[in-house]
Amino acid sequence: MLSTDFVTGSPNWLDLGSPDTTASAEFYRRVFGWDMQSAGPDTRGYAFFQQDGKDVAALGPLTEEGASPAWTVYFQTPDADATVKAAEQAGGAVRVQPMNVMDAGRLACLTDPGGAEFALWQPRAVKGLERVCEPDTLLWVELHTADPAAAGAFYRSLFGWGTEEKEFSVGTYTLISLAGSSGPYAPFGGIAPAPGEGEGEGYGRESRWIPYFLVTDTDATVAKAQESGGSVVAPAADIEDVGRIAWLADQFGAVFGILKPLPREA
């Protein structure tokens, strides 16, 4: 399960690249009720999505040549340079070399061998997201890829994640958890086969990381997204032992998931 007690391999940051940050901010305000707070005059338009003054995600203009609007998941590392080197040795590619972000931390942007983009965050002054696993905040991260086994091996080599395959009605799903997790198995995300022909219309079949946000009413959130100019990539559906999910895209095509989890057993 996600928390803000970040350790190596934790999803510790999340941001959206947008061609129109003002319009994107309005979309997510309508859907999740987020406020937007500028990161400052020297950050080239970067801003924080906030809930009650707590950072829950971030937003910035598209900066990479040829980039499409998308959410990017960042994973914690104690040494961005060393993790970049390990990723290259394991078949990954570097899109943005490690760089300091003022005194906030050090980042790098990568692509895994299957083509999914992700990023690294080595925290300094900014430790990471300030609120997760609450309504309208990040709950889960999921990698869709053509080769889940190869992807699992790649990320294990970087972060030491634990993996466990589980069968659901929709097929085999690989749960991922942090190395050294104590107590009951507590996954924070998963790896699934990318949609095939005819599945997830509008989603495409490329590999990608998808953030899921916790909602209290999946169908109502779908309706708000559509009313705000977004679209449905995969309609709301009940997943056994998980909850009610849907895949959505904002008005610029950035894909994200929503989930109303089933109540936990006492």
Protein backbone atom coordinates (compact mmCIF):
# COMPACT_ATOMS: atom_id res chain seq x y z
CA MET A 1 0.00 0.00 0.00
CA LEU A 2 1.22 3.49 -0.78
CA SER A 3 2.28 5.76 2.04
CA THR A 4 4.30 8.94 2.47
CA ASP A 5 7.00 7.04 4.38
CA PHE A 6 9.08 6.84 1.23
CA VAL A 7 11.89 4.32 0.84
CA THR A 8 13.85 3.14 -2.19
CA GLY A 9 11.44 2.11 -4.94
CA SER A 10 8.42 3.95 -3.54
CA PRO A 11 6.27 5.94 -5.97
CA ASN A 12 7.08 9.29 -4.36
CA TRP A 13 6.01 11.87 -6.95
CA LEU A 14 3.57 12.25 -9.81
CA ASP A 15 3.19 14.95 -12.41
CA LEU A 16 1.23 15.75 -15.53
CA GLY A 17 2.73 17.16 -18.69
CA SER A 18 0.18 19.37 -20.44
CA PRO A 19 0.03 21.62 -23.53
CA ASP A 20 -2.22 24.02 -21.58
CA THR A 21 -1.63 23.97 -17.84
CA THR A 22 -4.45 26.41 -17.08
CA ALA A 23 -7.02 24.23 -18.85
CA SER A 24 -5.62 21.08 -17.21
CA ALA A 25 -5.79 22.67 -13.78
CA GLU A 26 -9.46 23.49 -14.36
CA PHE A 27 -10.23 19.94 -15.52
CA TYR A 28 -8.74 18.32 -12.43
CA ARG A 29 -10.31 20.94 -10.16
CA ARG A 30 -13.71 19.89 -11.50
CA VAL A 31 -13.00 16.16 -11.31
CA PHE A 32 -11.06 15.89 -8.02
CA GLY A 33 -11.47 19.29 -6.41
CA TRP A 34 -7.73 20.03 -6.55
CA ASP A 35 -6.31 23.50 -6.12
CA MET A 36 -3.19 24.63 -8.01
CA GLN A 37 -0.23 26.39 -6.39
CA SER A 38 2.65 27.76 -8.46
CA ALA A 39 6.06 26.30 -7.64
CA GLY A 40 7.58 29.75 -8.13
CA PRO A 41 8.73 32.15 -10.86
CA ASP A 42 11.89 30.19 -11.64
CA THR A 43 10.18 26.86 -12.35
CA ARG A 44 9.00 27.52 -15.94
CA GLY A 45 5.31 27.13 -15.18
CA TYR A 46 5.55 24.11 -12.88
CA ALA A 47 2.86 23.96 -10.21
CA PHE A 48 1.53 21.73 -7.46
CA PHE A 49 -1.91 20.15 -7.36
CA GLN A 50 -3.03 20.44 -3.76
CA GLN A 51 -5.75 19.18 -1.47
CA ASP A 52 -6.17 21.17 1.77
CA GLY A 53 -2.74 22.70 1.14
CA LYS A 54 -1.04 19.30 0.78
CA ASP A 55 0.74 18.30 -2.44
CA VAL A 56 -1.07 15.42 -4.15
CA ALA A 57 0.46 15.70 -7.65
CA ALA A 58 2.06 18.30 -9.91
CA LEU A 59 1.58 19.92 -13.29
CA GLY A 60 3.89 21.41 -15.86
CA PRO A 61 4.17 22.27 -19.55
CA LEU A 62 5.46 19.70 -22.01
CA THR A 63 9.24 20.05 -22.13
CA GLU A 64 10.55 17.05 -24.09
CA GLU A 65 10.55 17.22 -27.89
CA GLY A 66 7.68 15.20 -29.33
CA ALA A 67 6.16 14.54 -25.90
CA SER A 68 2.45 13.80 -25.59
CA PRO A 69 0.27 14.82 -22.65
CA ALA A 70 0.72 12.16 -19.97
CA TRP A 71 1.08 11.44 -16.30
CA THR A 72 4.59 10.49 -15.13
CA VAL A 73 5.23 8.34 -12.07
CA TYR A 74 8.46 9.00 -10.13
CA PHE A 75 10.18 6.39 -7.97
CA GLN A 76 12.44 7.13 -5.03
CA THR A 77 16.15 6.51 -5.26
CA PRO A 78 18.97 7.40 -2.88
CA ASP A 79 21.27 7.98 -5.86
CA ALA A 80 19.75 9.03 -9.19
CA ASP A 81 23.04 8.71 -11.03
CA ALA A 82 23.63 5.15 -9.88
CA THR A 83 20.06 4.11 -10.70
CA VAL A 84 20.34 5.63 -14.19
CA LYS A 85 23.52 3.64 -14.78
CA ALA A 86 21.81 0.45 -13.60
CA ALA A 87 18.82 1.14 -15.86
CA GLU A 88 21.06 1.58 -18.90
CA GLN A 89 22.89 -1.66 -18.11
CA ALA A 90 19.51 -3.44 -17.85
CA GLY A 91 18.35 -2.20 -21.27
CA GLY A 92 16.57 1.02 -20.34
CA ALA A 93 17.08 4.40 -22.03
CA VAL A 94 17.70 7.82 -20.52
CA ARG A 95 15.51 10.68 -21.75
CA VAL A 96 16.69 13.29 -19.22
CA GLN A 97 20.04 12.86 -17.52
CA PRO A 98 20.18 13.33 -13.73
CA MET A 99 19.82 16.99 -12.83
CA ASN A 100 19.35 19.04 -9.69
CA VAL A 101 16.04 20.82 -9.19
CA MET A 102 17.28 23.74 -7.07
CA ASP A 103 17.44 22.42 -3.49
CA ALA A 104 14.30 20.27 -3.90
CA GLY A 105 16.02 17.12 -5.14
CA ARG A 106 17.57 15.39 -8.13
CA LEU A 107 15.60 13.88 -10.98
CA ALA A 108 16.07 11.80 -14.10
CA CYS A 109 13.63 10.61 -16.76
CA LEU A 110 13.89 7.12 -18.23
CA THR A 111 12.20 4.65 -20.55
CA ASP A 112 12.15 0.97 -19.64
CA PRO A 113 13.03 -1.76 -22.19
CA GLY A 114 9.34 -2.22 -23.02
CA GLY A 115 8.85 1.45 -23.86
CA ALA A 116 7.15 2.70 -20.68
CA GLU A 117 8.31 6.10 -19.46
CA PHE A 118 8.99 6.77 -15.78
CA ALA A 119 11.15 9.04 -13.66
CA LEU A 120 13.38 9.03 -10.61
CA TRP A 121 13.30 11.40 -7.66
CA GLN A 122 16.20 11.66 -5.22
CA PRO A 123 14.68 13.80 -2.49
CA ARG A 124 16.34 16.65 -0.68
CA ALA A 125 14.11 19.50 0.53
CA VAL A 126 11.04 18.03 -1.21
CA LYS A 127 10.51 14.51 0.09
CA GLY A 128 7.56 13.64 -2.11
CA LEU A 129 3.78 13.69 -2.20
CA GLU A 130 2.21 14.84 1.04
CA ARG A 131 -1.05 12.94 0.83
CA VAL A 132 -1.91 9.54 -0.70
CA CYS A 133 -4.54 6.80 -0.28
CA GLU A 134 -7.26 9.27 0.65
CA PRO A 135 -10.24 10.31 -1.50
CA ASP A 136 -9.09 12.06 -4.70
CA THR A 137 -5.39 11.24 -4.17
CA LEU A 138 -2.98 8.67 -5.59
CA LEU A 139 -3.83 5.12 -4.52
CA TRP A 140 -2.06 2.73 -6.90
CA VAL A 141 0.35 2.68 -9.85
CA GLU A 142 0.10 0.17 -12.68
CA LEU A 143 2.39 -0.73 -15.55
CA HIS A 144 0.79 -1.96 -18.77
CA THR A 145 3.35 -3.73 -20.91
CA ALA A 146 3.64 -6.40 -23.60
CA ASP A 147 6.01 -8.50 -21.46
CA PRO A 148 5.14 -8.36 -17.73
CA ALA A 149 7.81 -10.90 -16.77
CA ALA A 150 10.61 -8.93 -18.44
CA ALA A 151 9.31 -5.68 -16.95
CA GLY A 152 9.23 -7.20 -13.48
CA ALA A 153 12.84 -8.33 -13.84
CA PHE A 154 13.93 -4.87 -15.00
CA TYR A 155 12.38 -3.02 -12.07
CA ARG A 156 13.52 -5.62 -9.55
CA SER A 157 17.06 -4.96 -10.74
CA LEU A 158 16.63 -1.23 -10.03
CA PHE A 159 14.59 -1.19 -6.85
CA GLY A 160 14.54 -4.71 -5.44
CA TRP A 161 10.76 -4.92 -5.61
CA GLY A 162 8.95 -8.04 -4.54
CA THR A 163 6.57 -9.51 -7.13
CA GLU A 164 3.71 -11.97 -6.84
CA GLU A 165 1.45 -13.24 -9.62
CA LYS A 166 -2.27 -13.42 -8.88
CA GLU A 167 -5.14 -14.66 -11.00
CA PHE A 168 -8.17 -12.44 -11.49
CA SER A 169 -11.23 -12.87 -13.70
CA VAL A 170 -9.55 -10.55 -16.23
CA GLY A 171 -6.31 -12.57 -16.28
CA THR A 172 -2.93 -12.81 -14.56
CA TYR A 173 -1.78 -9.76 -12.66
CA THR A 174 1.62 -9.18 -11.04
CA LEU A 175 1.50 -7.42 -7.69
CA ILE A 176 4.55 -5.37 -6.74
CA SER A 177 5.74 -4.43 -3.27
CA LEU A 178 8.72 -2.70 -1.70
CA ALA A 179 11.85 -4.61 -0.74
CA GLY A 180 11.99 -5.33 2.94
CA SER A 181 8.27 -4.75 3.49
CA SER A 182 7.38 -6.04 6.95
CA GLY A 183 4.13 -7.60 8.08
CA PRO A 184 1.43 -8.71 5.63
CA TYR A 185 2.20 -8.49 1.93
CA ALA A 186 1.33 -4.87 1.07
CA PRO A 187 1.51 -4.16 -2.67
CA PHE A 188 1.51 -0.59 -3.92
CA GLY A 189 0.99 -1.36 -7.61
CA GLY A 190 0.90 -3.94 -10.32
CA ILE A 191 2.02 -5.04 -13.76
CA ALA A 192 -0.53 -6.12 -16.35
CA PRO A 193 -0.48 -7.08 -20.03
CA ALA A 194 -1.12 -4.08 -22.28
CA PRO A 195 -4.63 -4.12 -23.81
CA GLY A 196 -4.96 -6.17 -26.96
CA GLU A 197 -6.93 -5.50 -30.12
CA GLY A 198 -10.40 -4.19 -29.31
CA GLU A 199 -9.62 -3.61 -25.63
CA GLY A 200 -9.39 -0.21 -23.97
CA GLU A 201 -10.50 1.72 -27.04
CA GLY A 202 -8.61 5.01 -27.21
CA TYR A 203 -5.93 3.74 -24.86
CA GLY A 204 -3.52 2.32 -27.40
CA ARG A 205 -1.36 -0.74 -26.86
CA GLU A 206 1.92 0.92 -25.94
CA SER A 207 3.55 0.27 -22.59
CA ARG A 208 2.89 2.92 -19.95
CA TRP A 209 2.55 3.59 -16.24
CA ILE A 210 -0.94 4.55 -15.13
CA PRO A 211 -1.74 6.30 -11.82
CA TYR A 212 -4.99 5.35 -10.09
CA PHE A 213 -6.77 7.84 -7.86
CA LEU A 214 -9.01 6.77 -5.00
CA VAL A 215 -12.62 7.89 -5.42
CA THR A 216 -15.74 7.42 -3.32
CA ASP A 217 -18.03 6.98 -6.34
CA THR A 218 -16.54 5.67 -9.58
CA ASP A 219 -19.57 6.33 -11.75
CA ALA A 220 -20.03 9.87 -10.47
CA THR A 221 -16.35 10.63 -11.15
CA VAL A 222 -16.67 9.24 -14.68
CA ALA A 223 -19.61 11.56 -15.24
CA LYS A 224 -17.69 14.58 -13.91
CA ALA A 225 -14.75 13.80 -16.19
CA GLN A 226 -17.01 13.59 -19.24
CA GLU A 227 -18.83 16.80 -18.31
CA SER A 228 -15.43 18.51 -18.00
CA GLY A 229 -14.25 17.52 -21.48
CA GLY A 230 -12.58 14.20 -20.69
CA SER A 231 -13.34 10.82 -22.17
CA VAL A 232 -13.83 7.22 -21.04
CA VAL A 233 -11.05 4.87 -22.08
CA ALA A 234 -12.48 1.83 -20.30
CA PRO A 235 -15.94 2.03 -18.70
CA ALA A 236 -16.58 1.51 -15.02
CA ALA A 237 -16.43 -2.15 -14.03
CA ASP A 238 -16.35 -4.21 -10.86
CA ILE A 239 -13.16 -6.22 -10.32
CA GLU A 240 -13.45 -9.16 -7.94
CA ASP A 241 -11.69 -8.59 -4.60
CA VAL A 242 -10.56 -5.11 -5.73
CA GLY A 243 -13.39 -2.64 -6.29
CA ARG A 244 -14.95 -0.59 -9.06
CA ILE A 245 -12.51 0.90 -11.57
CA ALA A 246 -12.51 2.93 -14.77
CA TRP A 247 -9.88 4.32 -17.12
CA LEU A 248 -10.29 7.94 -18.15
CA ALA A 249 -8.46 10.50 -20.25
CA ASP A 250 -8.43 14.23 -19.69
CA GLN A 251 -9.26 16.68 -22.46
CA PHE A 252 -5.72 16.40 -23.88
CA GLY A 253 -5.57 12.61 -23.80
CA ALA A 254 -3.56 11.96 -20.62
CA VAL A 255 -4.76 8.60 -19.29
CA PHE A 256 -5.40 7.83 -15.62
CA GLY A 257 -7.39 5.35 -13.60
CA ILE A 258 -9.88 5.71 -10.79
CA LEU A 259 -10.80 3.12 -8.19
CA LYS A 260 -13.33 2.83 -5.43
CA PRO A 261 -11.77 0.05 -3.36
CA LEU A 262 -13.80 -2.59 -1.63
CA PRO A 263 -14.03 -2.04 2.14
CA ARG A 264 -11.18 -3.64 4.03
CA GLU A 265 -11.94 -6.60 6.22
CA ALA A 266 -11.75 -5.85 9.93
